[in-house]
Amino acid sequence: MAGKKLSAEQKKILFEKATEPPFSGAYYHHREKGRYHCASCGEALFSSEAKYDSGSGWPSFFEPISEGAVATAEDNSHGMRRIEVLCPQCGGHLGHLFPDGPKPTGLRYCINSLSLEFIGEKKENRS
Protein backbone atom coordinates (compact mmCIF):
# COMPACT_ATOMS: atom_id res chain seq x y z
CA MET A 1 0.00 0.00 0.00
CA ALA A 2 2.81 2.43 0.80
CA GLY A 3 3.92 4.29 -2.29
CA LYS A 4 0.45 3.95 -3.85
CA LYS A 5 -0.38 6.73 -6.28
CA LEU A 6 -3.06 8.94 -4.76
CA SER A 7 -5.82 10.59 -6.76
CA ALA A 8 -6.06 14.38 -6.84
CA GLU A 9 -9.07 14.16 -4.48
CA GLN A 10 -7.15 11.98 -2.01
CA LYS A 11 -4.22 14.42 -2.03
CA LYS A 12 -6.60 17.33 -1.35
CA ILE A 13 -8.12 15.55 1.64
CA LEU A 14 -4.94 14.05 3.09
CA PHE A 15 -2.56 16.95 2.58
CA GLU A 16 -4.72 20.06 2.09
CA LYS A 17 -7.28 19.10 4.77
CA ALA A 18 -10.28 19.06 2.44
CA THR A 19 -13.45 17.07 3.18
CA GLU A 20 -15.37 14.81 0.82
CA PRO A 21 -19.10 15.52 0.44
CA PRO A 22 -21.29 13.65 2.96
CA PHE A 23 -22.80 10.31 1.87
CA SER A 24 -20.38 10.16 -1.11
CA GLY A 25 -17.60 7.94 0.23
CA ALA A 26 -17.06 4.30 -0.69
CA TYR A 27 -16.80 3.26 2.96
CA TYR A 28 -19.85 5.05 4.37
CA HIS A 29 -22.13 1.98 4.08
CA HIS A 30 -19.25 -0.52 3.94
CA ARG A 31 -19.86 -3.58 6.17
CA GLU A 32 -17.06 -6.03 5.30
CA LYS A 33 -14.84 -7.25 8.16
CA GLY A 34 -11.22 -6.10 8.14
CA ARG A 35 -9.01 -3.08 8.73
CA TYR A 36 -8.96 0.48 7.46
CA HIS A 37 -5.49 1.81 6.66
CA CYS A 38 -4.12 5.22 5.68
CA ALA A 39 -4.47 5.55 1.90
CA SER A 40 -1.15 7.40 1.76
CA CYS A 41 1.26 5.32 3.85
CA GLY A 42 -0.62 2.13 4.75
CA GLU A 43 -0.66 2.64 8.53
CA ALA A 44 -3.41 0.54 10.22
CA LEU A 45 -5.93 2.98 11.71
CA PHE A 46 -9.35 1.43 12.43
CA SER A 47 -11.00 -1.98 12.64
CA SER A 48 -14.39 -2.82 11.18
CA GLU A 49 -15.29 -3.95 14.72
CA ALA A 50 -15.37 -0.28 15.82
CA LYS A 51 -17.28 1.02 12.78
CA TYR A 52 -20.88 2.12 13.19
CA ASP A 53 -23.52 4.12 11.32
CA SER A 54 -23.55 7.58 12.84
CA GLY A 55 -25.91 9.01 10.22
CA SER A 56 -23.34 11.78 9.63
CA GLY A 57 -22.54 10.89 6.01
CA TRP A 58 -18.97 9.74 6.69
CA PRO A 59 -17.52 6.46 7.94
CA SER A 60 -17.53 6.61 11.74
CA PHE A 61 -15.61 4.63 14.34
CA PHE A 62 -15.83 4.70 18.15
CA GLU A 63 -12.11 3.97 18.63
CA PRO A 64 -8.87 3.51 16.68
CA ILE A 65 -7.44 0.04 16.07
CA SER A 66 -4.92 0.50 18.90
CA GLU A 67 -3.54 3.14 21.22
CA GLY A 68 -1.45 5.59 19.19
CA ALA A 69 -2.94 4.41 15.87
CA VAL A 70 -4.14 7.96 15.15
CA ALA A 71 -2.90 11.39 16.18
CA THR A 72 -5.03 14.43 16.98
CA ALA A 73 -4.55 18.19 16.78
CA GLU A 74 -6.66 21.25 17.56
CA ASP A 75 -8.42 22.61 14.46
CA ASN A 76 -9.85 26.14 14.64
CA SER A 77 -10.53 26.49 10.90
CA HIS A 78 -13.85 27.59 9.38
CA GLY A 79 -14.84 29.44 12.56
CA MET A 80 -15.18 26.18 14.53
CA ARG A 81 -13.28 24.46 17.33
CA ARG A 82 -12.74 20.84 16.42
CA ILE A 83 -10.25 18.04 16.94
CA GLU A 84 -8.54 16.94 13.74
CA VAL A 85 -7.65 13.25 13.30
CA LEU A 86 -4.31 12.58 11.60
CA CYS A 87 -2.27 9.60 10.50
CA PRO A 88 0.62 9.37 13.00
CA GLN A 89 2.95 7.99 10.32
CA CYS A 90 2.59 10.46 7.41
CA GLY A 91 0.58 13.28 9.02
CA GLY A 92 -2.28 12.92 6.54
CA HIS A 93 -5.63 14.49 7.45
CA LEU A 94 -8.21 11.77 8.08
CA GLY A 95 -11.20 13.66 9.49
CA HIS A 96 -12.39 14.92 12.88
CA LEU A 97 -13.17 13.58 16.35
CA PHE A 98 -16.43 14.42 18.13
CA PRO A 99 -17.70 13.59 21.66
CA ASP A 100 -21.08 12.29 20.48
CA GLY A 101 -20.36 8.63 19.72
CA PRO A 102 -21.76 5.43 21.18
CA LYS A 103 -20.64 3.43 24.19
CA PRO A 104 -18.14 2.30 25.26
CA THR A 105 -16.05 5.39 24.35
CA GLY A 106 -18.64 8.07 23.59
CA LEU A 107 -16.41 9.16 20.70
CA ARG A 108 -17.06 9.52 16.97
CA TYR A 109 -14.06 9.43 14.68
CA CYS A 110 -15.65 10.93 11.56
CA ILE A 111 -13.31 9.91 8.72
CA ASN A 112 -13.15 10.65 4.98
CA SER A 113 -13.42 7.48 2.86
CA LEU A 114 -10.82 8.86 0.46
CA SER A 115 -8.23 8.97 3.25
CA LEU A 116 -8.69 5.23 3.85
CA GLU A 117 -7.75 1.98 2.16
CA PHE A 118 -9.64 -1.13 3.29
CA ILE A 119 -8.08 -4.58 3.61
CA GLY A 120 -10.60 -7.35 4.23
CA GLU A 121 -10.00 -10.19 6.70
CA LYS A 122 -9.77 -12.77 3.92
CA LYS A 123 -7.04 -10.79 2.16
CA GLU A 124 -5.16 -10.18 5.46
CA ASN A 125 -5.16 -13.94 6.20
CA ARG A 126 -3.47 -14.68 2.86
CA SER A 127 -0.59 -12.30 3.58
C-alpha atoms as a PDB file:
ATOM      1  CA  MET A   1       0.000   0.000   0.000  1.00  0.00           C
ATOM      2  CA  ALA A   2       2.811   2.428   0.796  1.00  0.00           C
ATOM      3  CA  GLY A   3       3.918   4.291  -2.289  1.00  0.00           C
ATOM      4  CA  LYS A   4       0.455   3.949  -3.849  1.00  0.00           C
ATOM      5  CA  LYS A   5      -0.383   6.729  -6.283  1.00  0.00           C
ATOM      6  CA  LEU A   6      -3.063   8.940  -4.758  1.00  0.00           C
ATOM      7  CA  SER A   7      -5.824  10.594  -6.763  1.00  0.00           C
ATOM      8  CA  ALA A   8      -6.064  14.382  -6.837  1.00  0.00           C
ATOM      9  CA  GLU A   9      -9.071  14.159  -4.484  1.00  0.00           C
ATOM     10  CA  GLN A  10      -7.146  11.980  -2.012  1.00  0.00           C
ATOM     11  CA  LYS A  11      -4.219  14.420  -2.028  1.00  0.00           C
ATOM     12  CA  LYS A  12      -6.604  17.326  -1.355  1.00  0.00           C
ATOM     13  CA  ILE A  13      -8.118  15.552   1.642  1.00  0.00           C
ATOM     14  CA  LEU A  14      -4.941  14.049   3.091  1.00  0.00           C
ATOM     15  CA  PHE A  15      -2.559  16.952   2.581  1.00  0.00           C
ATOM     16  CA  GLU A  16      -4.721  20.058   2.088  1.00  0.00           C
ATOM     17  CA  LYS A  17      -7.284  19.101   4.772  1.00  0.00           C
ATOM     18  CA  ALA A  18     -10.285  19.057   2.443  1.00  0.00           C
ATOM     19  CA  THR A  19     -13.447  17.066   3.175  1.00  0.00           C
ATOM     20  CA  GLU A  20     -15.373  14.808   0.821  1.00  0.00           C
ATOM     21  CA  PRO A  21     -19.102  15.516   0.440  1.00  0.00           C
ATOM     22  CA  PRO A  22     -21.291  13.648   2.965  1.00  0.00           C
ATOM     23  CA  PHE A  23     -22.797  10.310   1.867  1.00  0.00           C
ATOM     24  CA  SER A  24     -20.383  10.155  -1.112  1.00  0.00           C
ATOM     25  CA  GLY A  25     -17.603   7.942   0.228  1.00  0.00           C
ATOM     26  CA  ALA A  26     -17.057   4.302  -0.689  1.00  0.00           C
ATOM     27  CA  TYR A  27     -16.796   3.258   2.964  1.00  0.00           C
ATOM     28  CA  TYR A  28     -19.848   5.052   4.372  1.00  0.00           C
ATOM     29  CA  HIS A  29     -22.130   1.975   4.076  1.00  0.00           C
ATOM     30  CA  HIS A  30     -19.249  -0.523   3.941  1.00  0.00           C
ATOM     31  CA  ARG A  31     -19.858  -3.584   6.171  1.00  0.00           C
ATOM     32  CA  GLU A  32     -17.061  -6.028   5.303  1.00  0.00           C
ATOM     33  CA  LYS A  33     -14.841  -7.245   8.158  1.00  0.00           C
ATOM     34  CA  GLY A  34     -11.223  -6.101   8.139  1.00  0.00           C
ATOM     35  CA  ARG A  35      -9.012  -3.078   8.727  1.00  0.00           C
ATOM     36  CA  TYR A  36      -8.962   0.481   7.460  1.00  0.00           C
ATOM     37  CA  HIS A  37      -5.486   1.808   6.656  1.00  0.00           C
ATOM     38  CA  CYS A  38      -4.120   5.221   5.683  1.00  0.00           C
ATOM     39  CA  ALA A  39      -4.475   5.553   1.895  1.00  0.00           C
ATOM     40  CA  SER A  40      -1.147   7.400   1.756  1.00  0.00           C
ATOM     41  CA  CYS A  41       1.255   5.321   3.845  1.00  0.00           C
ATOM     42  CA  GLY A  42      -0.618   2.126   4.754  1.00  0.00           C
ATOM     43  CA  GLU A  43      -0.657   2.639   8.532  1.00  0.00           C
ATOM     44  CA  ALA A  44      -3.407   0.540  10.222  1.00  0.00           C
ATOM     45  CA  LEU A  45      -5.935   2.980  11.707  1.00  0.00           C
ATOM     46  CA  PHE A  46      -9.347   1.429  12.434  1.00  0.00           C
ATOM     47  CA  SER A  47     -11.003  -1.980  12.644  1.00  0.00           C
ATOM     48  CA  SER A  48     -14.394  -2.822  11.176  1.00  0.00           C
ATOM     49  CA  GLU A  49     -15.292  -3.948  14.725  1.00  0.00           C
ATOM     50  CA  ALA A  50     -15.367  -0.277  15.822  1.00  0.00           C
ATOM     51  CA  LYS A  51     -17.277   1.016  12.778  1.00  0.00           C
ATOM     52  CA  TYR A  52     -20.881   2.120  13.188  1.00  0.00           C
ATOM     53  CA  ASP A  53     -23.519   4.116  11.320  1.00  0.00           C
ATOM     54  CA  SER A  54     -23.551   7.584  12.844  1.00  0.00           C
ATOM     55  CA  GLY A  55     -25.905   9.015  10.222  1.00  0.00           C
ATOM     56  CA  SER A  56     -23.343  11.780   9.625  1.00  0.00           C
ATOM     57  CA  GLY A  57     -22.545  10.895   6.012  1.00  0.00           C
ATOM     58  CA  TRP A  58     -18.972   9.743   6.692  1.00  0.00           C
ATOM     59  CA  PRO A  59     -17.520   6.456   7.945  1.00  0.00           C
ATOM     60  CA  SER A  60     -17.534   6.606  11.742  1.00  0.00           C
ATOM     61  CA  PHE A  61     -15.610   4.629  14.344  1.00  0.00           C
ATOM     62  CA  PHE A  62     -15.834   4.705  18.151  1.00  0.00           C
ATOM     63  CA  GLU A  63     -12.113   3.966  18.629  1.00  0.00           C
ATOM     64  CA  PRO A  64      -8.865   3.509  16.678  1.00  0.00           C
ATOM     65  CA  ILE A  65      -7.438   0.037  16.068  1.00  0.00           C
ATOM     66  CA  SER A  66      -4.919   0.504  18.904  1.00  0.00           C
ATOM     67  CA  GLU A  67      -3.540   3.143  21.220  1.00  0.00           C
ATOM     68  CA  GLY A  68      -1.451   5.591  19.187  1.00  0.00           C
ATOM     69  CA  ALA A  69      -2.941   4.407  15.870  1.00  0.00           C
ATOM     70  CA  VAL A  70      -4.136   7.957  15.154  1.00  0.00           C
ATOM     71  CA  ALA A  71      -2.895  11.390  16.184  1.00  0.00           C
ATOM     72  CA  THR A  72      -5.026  14.435  16.984  1.00  0.00           C
ATOM     73  CA  ALA A  73      -4.552  18.189  16.780  1.00  0.00           C
ATOM     74  CA  GLU A  74      -6.656  21.251  17.556  1.00  0.00           C
ATOM     75  CA  ASP A  75      -8.425  22.609  14.462  1.00  0.00           C
ATOM     76  CA  ASN A  76      -9.847  26.138  14.635  1.00  0.00           C
ATOM     77  CA  SER A  77     -10.530  26.489  10.896  1.00  0.00           C
ATOM     78  CA  HIS A  78     -13.847  27.591   9.381  1.00  0.00           C
ATOM     79  CA  GLY A  79     -14.845  29.442  12.565  1.00  0.00           C
ATOM     80  CA  MET A  80     -15.185  26.175  14.533  1.00  0.00           C
ATOM     81  CA  ARG A  81     -13.282  24.458  17.333  1.00  0.00           C
ATOM     82  CA  ARG A  82     -12.739  20.839  16.418  1.00  0.00           C
ATOM     83  CA  ILE A  83     -10.248  18.042  16.942  1.00  0.00           C
ATOM     84  CA  GLU A  84      -8.542  16.936  13.744  1.00  0.00           C
ATOM     85  CA  VAL A  85      -7.651  13.251  13.297  1.00  0.00           C
ATOM     86  CA  LEU A  86      -4.308  12.584  11.599  1.00  0.00           C
ATOM     87  CA  CYS A  87      -2.267   9.602  10.497  1.00  0.00           C
ATOM     88  CA  PRO A  88       0.615   9.366  13.000  1.00  0.00           C
ATOM     89  CA  GLN A  89       2.950   7.985  10.322  1.00  0.00           C
ATOM     90  CA  CYS A  90       2.592  10.457   7.407  1.00  0.00           C
ATOM     91  CA  GLY A  91       0.583  13.277   9.024  1.00  0.00           C
ATOM     92  CA  GLY A  92      -2.277  12.918   6.544  1.00  0.00           C
ATOM     93  CA  HIS A  93      -5.626  14.493   7.452  1.00  0.00           C
ATOM     94  CA  LEU A  94      -8.214  11.772   8.078  1.00  0.00           C
ATOM     95  CA  GLY A  95     -11.197  13.663   9.495  1.00  0.00           C
ATOM     96  CA  HIS A  96     -12.387  14.917  12.878  1.00  0.00           C
ATOM     97  CA  LEU A  97     -13.173  13.580  16.353  1.00  0.00           C
ATOM     98  CA  PHE A  98     -16.427  14.421  18.130  1.00  0.00           C
ATOM     99  CA  PRO A  99     -17.697  13.590  21.658  1.00  0.00           C
ATOM    100  CA  ASP A 100     -21.084  12.288  20.481  1.00  0.00           C
ATOM    101  CA  GLY A 101     -20.356   8.630  19.725  1.00  0.00           C
ATOM    102  CA  PRO A 102     -21.756   5.426  21.176  1.00  0.00           C
ATOM    103  CA  LYS A 103     -20.644   3.426  24.192  1.00  0.00           C
ATOM    104  CA  PRO A 104     -18.142   2.296  25.260  1.00  0.00           C
ATOM    105  CA  THR A 105     -16.049   5.385  24.354  1.00  0.00           C
ATOM    106  CA  GLY A 106     -18.643   8.068  23.593  1.00  0.00           C
ATOM    107  CA  LEU A 107     -16.411   9.158  20.704  1.00  0.00           C
ATOM    108  CA  ARG A 108     -17.064   9.523  16.966  1.00  0.00           C
ATOM    109  CA  TYR A 109     -14.057   9.427  14.679  1.00  0.00           C
ATOM    110  CA  CYS A 110     -15.652  10.932  11.561  1.00  0.00           C
ATOM    111  CA  ILE A 111     -13.314   9.914   8.717  1.00  0.00           C
ATOM    112  CA  ASN A 112     -13.145  10.645   4.983  1.00  0.00           C
ATOM    113  CA  SER A 113     -13.417   7.476   2.864  1.00  0.00           C
ATOM    114  CA  LEU A 114     -10.817   8.864   0.459  1.00  0.00           C
ATOM    115  CA  SER A 115      -8.228   8.971   3.250  1.00  0.00           C
ATOM    116  CA  LEU A 116      -8.687   5.235   3.846  1.00  0.00           C
ATOM    117  CA  GLU A 117      -7.752   1.976   2.157  1.00  0.00           C
ATOM    118  CA  PHE A 118      -9.635  -1.127   3.294  1.00  0.00           C
ATOM    119  CA  ILE A 119      -8.079  -4.580   3.610  1.00  0.00           C
ATOM    120  CA  GLY A 120     -10.599  -7.351   4.229  1.00  0.00           C
ATOM    121  CA  GLU A 121     -10.000 -10.187   6.697  1.00  0.00           C
ATOM    122  CA  LYS A 122      -9.774 -12.766   3.916  1.00  0.00           C
ATOM    123  CA  LYS A 123      -7.037 -10.786   2.164  1.00  0.00           C
ATOM    124  CA  GLU A 124      -5.165 -10.183   5.462  1.00  0.00           C
ATOM    125  CA  ASN A 125      -5.162 -13.935   6.197  1.00  0.00           C
ATOM    126  CA  ARG A 126      -3.469 -14.682   2.857  1.00  0.00           C
ATOM    127  CA  SER A 127      -0.586 -12.297   3.577  1.00  0.00           C
END
